[in-house]
Amino acid sequence: QVLLVESGGGLVQTGGSLRLSCAASGPAFSRYAVGWFRQAPGNEREFVAAIAGSGVSTYYASSVKGRVSISRDNAKNTVYLQMNSLKPEDTAVYYCAAGAQKGSWYRNTPAATDFGSWGQGTQVTVSS
């Protein structure tokens, strides 16, 4: 099991950018797919993006596609989420999670239950 720590959240104006980081500790990090999810007050946790262990395959929610880019540096045990053109509706706590990549992700949005290890979250607030 890997331990995950998110960072990079903060307050940004509409149209601004943030880069979130997810630092992992534990063995064989490159074997794990990593996903980003977010949860706003009163809402369910929703998928944002995911990346395969190799970094070759990436997956995005339709609500963020074109504005968000996920990447990873396995030498640094870190996954990044670059978010551009931020909107007030992007305001949420953002969590990273690690788990085994599923073949179904090509057809279906990755689910939170696909991931077994979670970080503590980082707050992103977009002001209007």
Protein backbone atom coordinates (compact mmCIF):
# COMPACT_ATOMS: atom_id res chain seq x y z
CA GLN A 1 0.00 0.00 0.00
CA VAL A 2 1.19 3.50 -0.76
CA LEU A 3 0.89 6.63 1.34
CA LEU A 4 -0.21 9.73 -0.55
CA VAL A 5 0.14 13.42 0.31
CA GLU A 6 -1.44 16.15 -1.79
CA SER A 7 -0.19 19.72 -2.04
CA GLY A 8 -0.57 22.79 -4.23
CA GLY A 9 -4.11 23.81 -3.43
CA GLY A 10 -5.06 27.38 -2.64
CA LEU A 11 -7.16 30.38 -3.58
CA VAL A 12 -7.17 31.50 -7.20
CA GLN A 13 -9.29 33.82 -9.31
CA THR A 14 -11.54 32.66 -12.12
CA GLY A 15 -9.43 31.92 -15.17
CA GLY A 16 -6.35 31.21 -13.11
CA SER A 17 -4.23 28.08 -12.86
CA LEU A 18 -3.00 25.72 -10.19
CA ARG A 19 -0.79 22.66 -10.20
CA LEU A 20 -1.57 20.04 -7.62
CA SER A 21 1.00 17.44 -6.59
CA CYS A 22 0.49 13.99 -5.14
CA ALA A 23 3.62 12.63 -3.49
CA ALA A 24 3.71 8.91 -2.80
CA SER A 25 5.78 6.77 -0.49
CA GLY A 26 5.91 3.01 -0.64
CA PRO A 27 7.21 0.32 -2.93
CA ALA A 28 6.66 -0.04 -6.66
CA PHE A 29 4.83 3.25 -7.21
CA SER A 30 4.98 2.80 -10.97
CA ARG A 31 2.71 -0.24 -10.66
CA TYR A 32 -0.16 1.92 -9.45
CA ALA A 33 -2.59 3.97 -11.44
CA VAL A 34 -3.30 7.28 -9.76
CA GLY A 35 -6.53 9.22 -9.90
CA TRP A 36 -7.66 12.65 -8.81
CA PHE A 37 -11.11 13.14 -7.36
CA ARG A 38 -12.80 16.18 -5.88
CA GLN A 39 -15.58 16.79 -3.42
CA ALA A 40 -17.46 20.02 -2.88
CA PRO A 41 -19.61 20.60 0.23
CA GLY A 42 -22.89 18.73 -0.06
CA ASN A 43 -21.75 16.85 -3.17
CA GLU A 44 -20.51 13.35 -3.76
CA ARG A 45 -16.88 12.72 -4.53
CA GLU A 46 -16.41 12.93 -8.30
CA PHE A 47 -13.73 11.74 -10.68
CA VAL A 48 -11.45 14.33 -12.27
CA ALA A 49 -8.56 12.51 -13.98
CA ALA A 50 -6.48 9.36 -13.80
CA ILE A 51 -3.19 8.11 -15.19
CA ALA A 52 -1.82 4.62 -15.67
CA GLY A 53 1.27 3.48 -13.80
CA SER A 54 3.39 3.82 -16.93
CA GLY A 55 1.94 7.25 -17.65
CA VAL A 56 0.96 6.19 -21.16
CA SER A 57 -2.81 6.19 -20.65
CA THR A 58 -4.77 9.08 -19.20
CA TYR A 59 -8.45 9.53 -18.45
CA TYR A 60 -10.45 12.72 -17.87
CA ALA A 61 -13.91 13.70 -16.75
CA SER A 62 -15.84 15.52 -19.45
CA SER A 63 -16.30 18.50 -17.12
CA VAL A 64 -12.55 19.20 -17.05
CA LYS A 65 -11.32 17.84 -20.37
CA GLY A 66 -9.27 20.47 -22.19
CA ARG A 67 -8.60 22.42 -19.01
CA VAL A 68 -6.81 19.80 -16.94
CA SER A 69 -3.73 17.70 -17.58
CA ILE A 70 -2.49 14.80 -15.48
CA SER A 71 1.11 13.62 -15.56
CA ARG A 72 3.54 11.65 -13.42
CA ASP A 73 7.22 11.42 -12.65
CA ASN A 74 7.86 7.92 -11.34
CA ALA A 75 11.46 8.78 -10.50
CA LYS A 76 10.06 11.30 -8.01
CA ASN A 77 7.06 9.20 -6.98
CA THR A 78 4.83 12.13 -7.82
CA VAL A 79 1.69 12.71 -9.88
CA TYR A 80 0.68 16.18 -11.00
CA LEU A 81 -2.65 17.75 -11.90
CA GLN A 82 -2.30 20.94 -13.92
CA MET A 83 -5.54 22.90 -13.89
CA ASN A 84 -6.08 25.88 -16.18
CA SER A 85 -9.00 28.23 -16.87
CA LEU A 86 -10.38 27.52 -13.43
CA LYS A 87 -14.02 28.22 -12.68
CA PRO A 88 -15.86 28.75 -9.39
CA GLU A 89 -17.49 25.34 -9.85
CA ASP A 90 -14.03 23.78 -9.62
CA THR A 91 -13.96 24.74 -5.95
CA ALA A 92 -13.60 21.56 -3.89
CA VAL A 93 -11.26 19.44 -1.84
CA TYR A 94 -9.08 17.52 -4.26
CA TYR A 95 -7.90 14.02 -3.38
CA CYS A 96 -5.42 11.75 -5.07
CA ALA A 97 -5.79 8.00 -4.88
CA ALA A 98 -3.80 4.97 -5.99
CA GLY A 99 -5.00 1.61 -7.24
CA ALA A 100 -4.87 -0.94 -10.03
CA GLN A 101 -5.77 0.27 -13.52
CA LYS A 102 -9.01 -1.20 -14.83
CA GLY A 103 -9.69 -2.20 -18.42
CA SER A 104 -13.18 -0.75 -18.04
CA TRP A 105 -11.79 2.78 -17.77
CA TYR A 106 -11.77 3.04 -21.56
CA ARG A 107 -15.55 2.75 -21.51
CA ASN A 108 -16.57 3.91 -18.03
CA THR A 109 -15.45 6.69 -15.71
CA PRO A 110 -13.07 5.43 -13.03
CA ALA A 111 -14.87 4.98 -9.73
CA ALA A 112 -13.65 5.91 -6.28
CA THR A 113 -14.01 2.25 -5.31
CA ASP A 114 -11.34 1.36 -7.90
CA PHE A 115 -8.73 2.97 -5.65
CA GLY A 116 -7.54 1.59 -2.32
CA SER A 117 -5.18 4.28 -1.04
CA TRP A 118 -6.17 7.91 -0.53
CA GLY A 119 -4.50 11.13 0.50
CA GLN A 120 -5.90 13.63 2.97
CA GLY A 121 -6.94 16.16 0.32
CA THR A 122 -6.03 19.73 -0.59
CA GLN A 123 -8.49 22.62 -0.82
CA VAL A 124 -8.92 24.48 -4.10
CA THR A 125 -11.00 27.64 -4.02
CA VAL A 126 -11.79 29.62 -7.17
CA SER A 127 -13.17 33.08 -6.58
CA SER A 128 -15.52 34.76 -9.03
